[in-house]
Amino acid sequence: MKQDPALTFNREKRYLRKDGTPVWVNVTGQMLYNLDGTPRHSVTIVQDISDRKAAEEKQRILERRLRLLSELSRELLREPLRF
């Protein structure tokens, strides 16, 4: 039995559960062949990556807030305070 690494696929995909909540998965698959080159079977692995996706989104939000705060502080430092 042989495998061709060029025929491996990897994809991140979002599915919806029956209750409507999203679940992110990483799907990896590969075709395995007999020695004569005919397909024997495929192997597919589905891994839940919802926690990682949530952490990435949280990081994007925090980075956006930090950027806005940085821009705001620069503006405040440019303008003299008037009471």
N, C-alpha and C. Protein backbone atom coordinates (compact mmCIF):
# COMPACT_ATOMS: atom_id res chain seq x y z
N MET A 1 0.85 -1.17 0.00
CA MET A 1 0.00 0.00 0.00
C MET A 1 0.89 1.23 0.00
N LYS A 2 0.54 2.22 -0.80
CA LYS A 2 1.32 3.46 -0.83
C LYS A 2 0.38 4.65 -0.72
N GLN A 3 0.97 5.79 -0.35
CA GLN A 3 0.18 7.01 -0.22
C GLN A 3 0.89 8.10 -0.99
N ASP A 4 0.13 9.05 -1.49
CA ASP A 4 0.68 10.17 -2.25
C ASP A 4 0.43 11.43 -1.45
N PRO A 5 1.49 12.03 -0.84
CA PRO A 5 1.30 13.24 -0.03
C PRO A 5 0.70 14.39 -0.83
N ALA A 6 0.89 14.38 -2.14
CA ALA A 6 0.34 15.45 -2.96
C ALA A 6 -1.19 15.41 -2.99
N LEU A 7 -1.75 14.26 -2.67
CA LEU A 7 -3.20 14.13 -2.69
C LEU A 7 -3.83 14.28 -1.32
N THR A 8 -3.09 14.83 -0.38
CA THR A 8 -3.63 15.12 0.94
C THR A 8 -4.35 16.47 0.89
N PHE A 9 -5.51 16.55 1.51
CA PHE A 9 -6.19 17.85 1.58
C PHE A 9 -6.42 18.22 3.04
N ASN A 10 -6.50 19.50 3.25
CA ASN A 10 -6.71 20.05 4.59
C ASN A 10 -7.61 21.27 4.45
N ARG A 11 -8.68 21.33 5.23
CA ARG A 11 -9.62 22.43 5.11
C ARG A 11 -10.24 22.73 6.46
N GLU A 12 -10.41 24.02 6.74
CA GLU A 12 -11.17 24.44 7.92
C GLU A 12 -12.58 24.75 7.44
N LYS A 13 -13.55 24.27 8.18
CA LYS A 13 -14.94 24.43 7.76
C LYS A 13 -15.83 24.67 8.97
N ARG A 14 -16.85 25.46 8.77
CA ARG A 14 -17.80 25.74 9.84
C ARG A 14 -19.10 25.00 9.54
N TYR A 15 -19.56 24.25 10.51
CA TYR A 15 -20.84 23.55 10.42
C TYR A 15 -21.78 24.14 11.46
N LEU A 16 -23.06 23.89 11.28
CA LEU A 16 -24.06 24.30 12.27
C LEU A 16 -24.67 23.06 12.90
N ARG A 17 -24.72 23.08 14.22
CA ARG A 17 -25.38 21.98 14.94
C ARG A 17 -26.89 22.11 14.76
N LYS A 18 -27.62 21.11 15.18
CA LYS A 18 -29.08 21.15 15.06
C LYS A 18 -29.68 22.34 15.80
N ASP A 19 -29.04 22.73 16.91
CA ASP A 19 -29.57 23.87 17.68
C ASP A 19 -29.13 25.21 17.09
N GLY A 20 -28.38 25.20 15.98
CA GLY A 20 -27.99 26.43 15.31
C GLY A 20 -26.63 26.99 15.71
N THR A 21 -25.99 26.41 16.73
CA THR A 21 -24.69 26.91 17.15
C THR A 21 -23.61 26.39 16.20
N PRO A 22 -22.63 27.25 15.92
CA PRO A 22 -21.57 26.83 14.98
C PRO A 22 -20.54 25.93 15.65
N VAL A 23 -19.95 25.06 14.84
CA VAL A 23 -18.81 24.25 15.27
C VAL A 23 -17.78 24.31 14.14
N TRP A 24 -16.58 24.72 14.47
CA TRP A 24 -15.48 24.78 13.49
C TRP A 24 -14.70 23.48 13.55
N VAL A 25 -14.37 22.95 12.37
CA VAL A 25 -13.59 21.72 12.31
C VAL A 25 -12.46 21.87 11.29
N ASN A 26 -11.40 21.12 11.51
CA ASN A 26 -10.32 20.98 10.55
C ASN A 26 -10.46 19.57 9.96
N VAL A 27 -10.61 19.50 8.65
CA VAL A 27 -10.79 18.23 7.96
C VAL A 27 -9.51 17.93 7.18
N THR A 28 -8.91 16.78 7.46
CA THR A 28 -7.72 16.34 6.74
C THR A 28 -8.03 14.98 6.12
N GLY A 29 -7.69 14.81 4.86
CA GLY A 29 -7.96 13.55 4.20
C GLY A 29 -6.85 13.15 3.26
N GLN A 30 -6.75 11.87 3.03
CA GLN A 30 -5.74 11.36 2.12
C GLN A 30 -6.23 10.05 1.51
N MET A 31 -5.88 9.86 0.25
CA MET A 31 -6.22 8.64 -0.45
C MET A 31 -5.05 7.67 -0.33
N LEU A 32 -5.33 6.40 -0.05
CA LEU A 32 -4.31 5.36 0.01
C LEU A 32 -4.52 4.43 -1.18
N TYR A 33 -3.42 3.99 -1.78
CA TYR A 33 -3.46 3.21 -3.01
C TYR A 33 -2.79 1.85 -2.84
N ASN A 34 -3.23 0.90 -3.62
CA ASN A 34 -2.54 -0.38 -3.72
C ASN A 34 -1.22 -0.15 -4.46
N LEU A 35 -0.34 -1.12 -4.41
CA LEU A 35 0.96 -0.99 -5.08
C LEU A 35 0.81 -0.81 -6.60
N ASP A 36 -0.29 -1.31 -7.16
CA ASP A 36 -0.50 -1.15 -8.61
C ASP A 36 -1.11 0.21 -8.96
N GLY A 37 -1.33 1.05 -7.94
CA GLY A 37 -1.83 2.41 -8.19
C GLY A 37 -3.33 2.56 -8.11
N THR A 38 -4.05 1.48 -7.90
CA THR A 38 -5.51 1.59 -7.78
C THR A 38 -5.86 2.05 -6.38
N PRO A 39 -6.90 2.87 -6.24
CA PRO A 39 -7.29 3.35 -4.92
C PRO A 39 -7.71 2.20 -4.01
N ARG A 40 -7.23 2.25 -2.79
CA ARG A 40 -7.60 1.21 -1.82
C ARG A 40 -8.67 1.76 -0.87
N HIS A 41 -8.38 2.86 -0.21
CA HIS A 41 -9.37 3.52 0.63
C HIS A 41 -8.87 4.92 0.99
N SER A 42 -9.74 5.69 1.56
CA SER A 42 -9.36 7.04 1.99
C SER A 42 -9.40 7.11 3.51
N VAL A 43 -8.61 8.01 4.04
CA VAL A 43 -8.58 8.27 5.48
C VAL A 43 -8.95 9.73 5.68
N THR A 44 -9.91 9.99 6.54
CA THR A 44 -10.33 11.36 6.83
C THR A 44 -10.34 11.56 8.33
N ILE A 45 -9.78 12.68 8.77
CA ILE A 45 -9.76 13.04 10.19
C ILE A 45 -10.49 14.37 10.33
N VAL A 46 -11.44 14.42 11.24
CA VAL A 46 -12.19 15.64 11.52
C VAL A 46 -11.89 16.03 12.96
N GLN A 47 -11.33 17.23 13.13
CA GLN A 47 -10.93 17.70 14.46
C GLN A 47 -11.69 18.99 14.80
N ASP A 48 -12.31 19.02 15.97
CA ASP A 48 -13.02 20.21 16.43
C ASP A 48 -12.00 21.29 16.80
N ILE A 49 -12.07 22.44 16.13
CA ILE A 49 -11.16 23.55 16.41
C ILE A 49 -11.93 24.79 16.87
N SER A 50 -13.13 24.59 17.40
CA SER A 50 -13.97 25.71 17.83
C SER A 50 -13.28 26.57 18.89
N ASP A 51 -12.60 25.94 19.85
CA ASP A 51 -11.92 26.72 20.89
C ASP A 51 -10.83 27.59 20.30
N ARG A 52 -10.07 27.04 19.34
CA ARG A 52 -9.01 27.82 18.71
C ARG A 52 -9.58 29.00 17.93
N LYS A 53 -10.67 28.77 17.19
CA LYS A 53 -11.30 29.83 16.42
C LYS A 53 -11.83 30.93 17.35
N ALA A 54 -12.41 30.53 18.48
CA ALA A 54 -12.91 31.51 19.44
C ALA A 54 -11.75 32.33 20.01
N ALA A 55 -10.64 31.69 20.31
CA ALA A 55 -9.46 32.41 20.83
C ALA A 55 -8.90 33.36 19.79
N GLU A 56 -8.88 32.94 18.51
CA GLU A 56 -8.40 33.82 17.44
C GLU A 56 -9.30 35.04 17.29
N GLU A 57 -10.60 34.84 17.38
CA GLU A 57 -11.54 35.96 17.28
C GLU A 57 -11.36 36.91 18.46
N LYS A 58 -11.20 36.36 19.65
CA LYS A 58 -10.98 37.19 20.84
C LYS A 58 -9.69 38.01 20.68
N GLN A 59 -8.66 37.38 20.15
CA GLN A 59 -7.40 38.09 19.93
C GLN A 59 -7.57 39.22 18.91
N ARG A 60 -8.32 38.97 17.83
CA ARG A 60 -8.58 40.02 16.84
C ARG A 60 -9.30 41.21 17.48
N ILE A 61 -10.28 40.91 18.32
CA ILE A 61 -11.03 41.98 18.98
C ILE A 61 -10.12 42.78 19.91
N LEU A 62 -9.29 42.08 20.69
CA LEU A 62 -8.38 42.78 21.60
C LEU A 62 -7.35 43.61 20.84
N GLU A 63 -6.85 43.10 19.74
CA GLU A 63 -5.90 43.86 18.92
C GLU A 63 -6.56 45.11 18.34
N ARG A 64 -7.81 44.98 17.91
CA ARG A 64 -8.54 46.14 17.38
C ARG A 64 -8.74 47.19 18.47
N ARG A 65 -9.11 46.74 19.66
CA ARG A 65 -9.29 47.68 20.78
C ARG A 65 -7.98 48.38 21.14
N LEU A 66 -6.89 47.62 21.16
CA LEU A 66 -5.59 48.19 21.47
C LEU A 66 -5.18 49.22 20.43
N ARG A 67 -5.43 48.92 19.15
CA ARG A 67 -5.11 49.86 18.08
C ARG A 67 -5.92 51.15 18.25
N LEU A 68 -7.21 51.01 18.54
CA LEU A 68 -8.06 52.19 18.74
C LEU A 68 -7.61 53.00 19.96
N LEU A 69 -7.26 52.31 21.03
CA LEU A 69 -6.79 52.99 22.24
C LEU A 69 -5.48 53.72 21.96
N SER A 70 -4.61 53.10 21.20
CA SER A 70 -3.34 53.73 20.85
C SER A 70 -3.57 54.98 20.01
N GLU A 71 -4.46 54.90 19.04
CA GLU A 71 -4.78 56.06 18.20
C GLU A 71 -5.40 57.17 19.04
N LEU A 72 -6.30 56.81 19.93
CA LEU A 72 -6.94 57.79 20.79
C LEU A 72 -5.93 58.47 21.71
N SER A 73 -5.03 57.71 22.29
CA SER A 73 -4.04 58.30 23.19
C SER A 73 -3.11 59.24 22.43
N ARG A 74 -2.74 58.89 21.20
CA ARG A 74 -1.91 59.81 20.39
C ARG A 74 -2.65 61.12 20.14
N GLU A 75 -3.94 61.02 19.83
CA GLU A 75 -4.74 62.22 19.60
C GLU A 75 -4.84 63.06 20.87
N LEU A 76 -5.03 62.42 22.00
CA LEU A 76 -5.14 63.16 23.26
C LEU A 76 -3.83 63.85 23.62
N LEU A 77 -2.71 63.22 23.31
CA LEU A 77 -1.41 63.82 23.61
C LEU A 77 -1.10 64.99 22.68
N ARG A 78 -1.65 65.00 21.49
CA ARG A 78 -1.44 66.11 20.56
C ARG A 78 -2.21 67.35 20.97
N GLU A 79 -3.38 67.16 21.48
CA GLU A 79 -4.23 68.29 21.87
C GLU A 79 -3.95 68.72 23.31
N PRO A 80 -3.73 70.00 23.54
CA PRO A 80 -3.55 70.44 24.94
C PRO A 80 -4.88 70.33 25.70
N LEU A 81 -4.77 70.02 26.96
CA LEU A 81 -5.98 69.91 27.78
C LEU A 81 -6.51 71.30 28.09
N ARG A 82 -7.80 71.48 27.94
CA ARG A 82 -8.45 72.76 28.21
C ARG A 82 -9.54 72.55 29.25
N PHE A 83 -9.44 73.29 30.28
CA PHE A 83 -10.45 73.18 31.35
C PHE A 83 -11.27 74.43 31.42
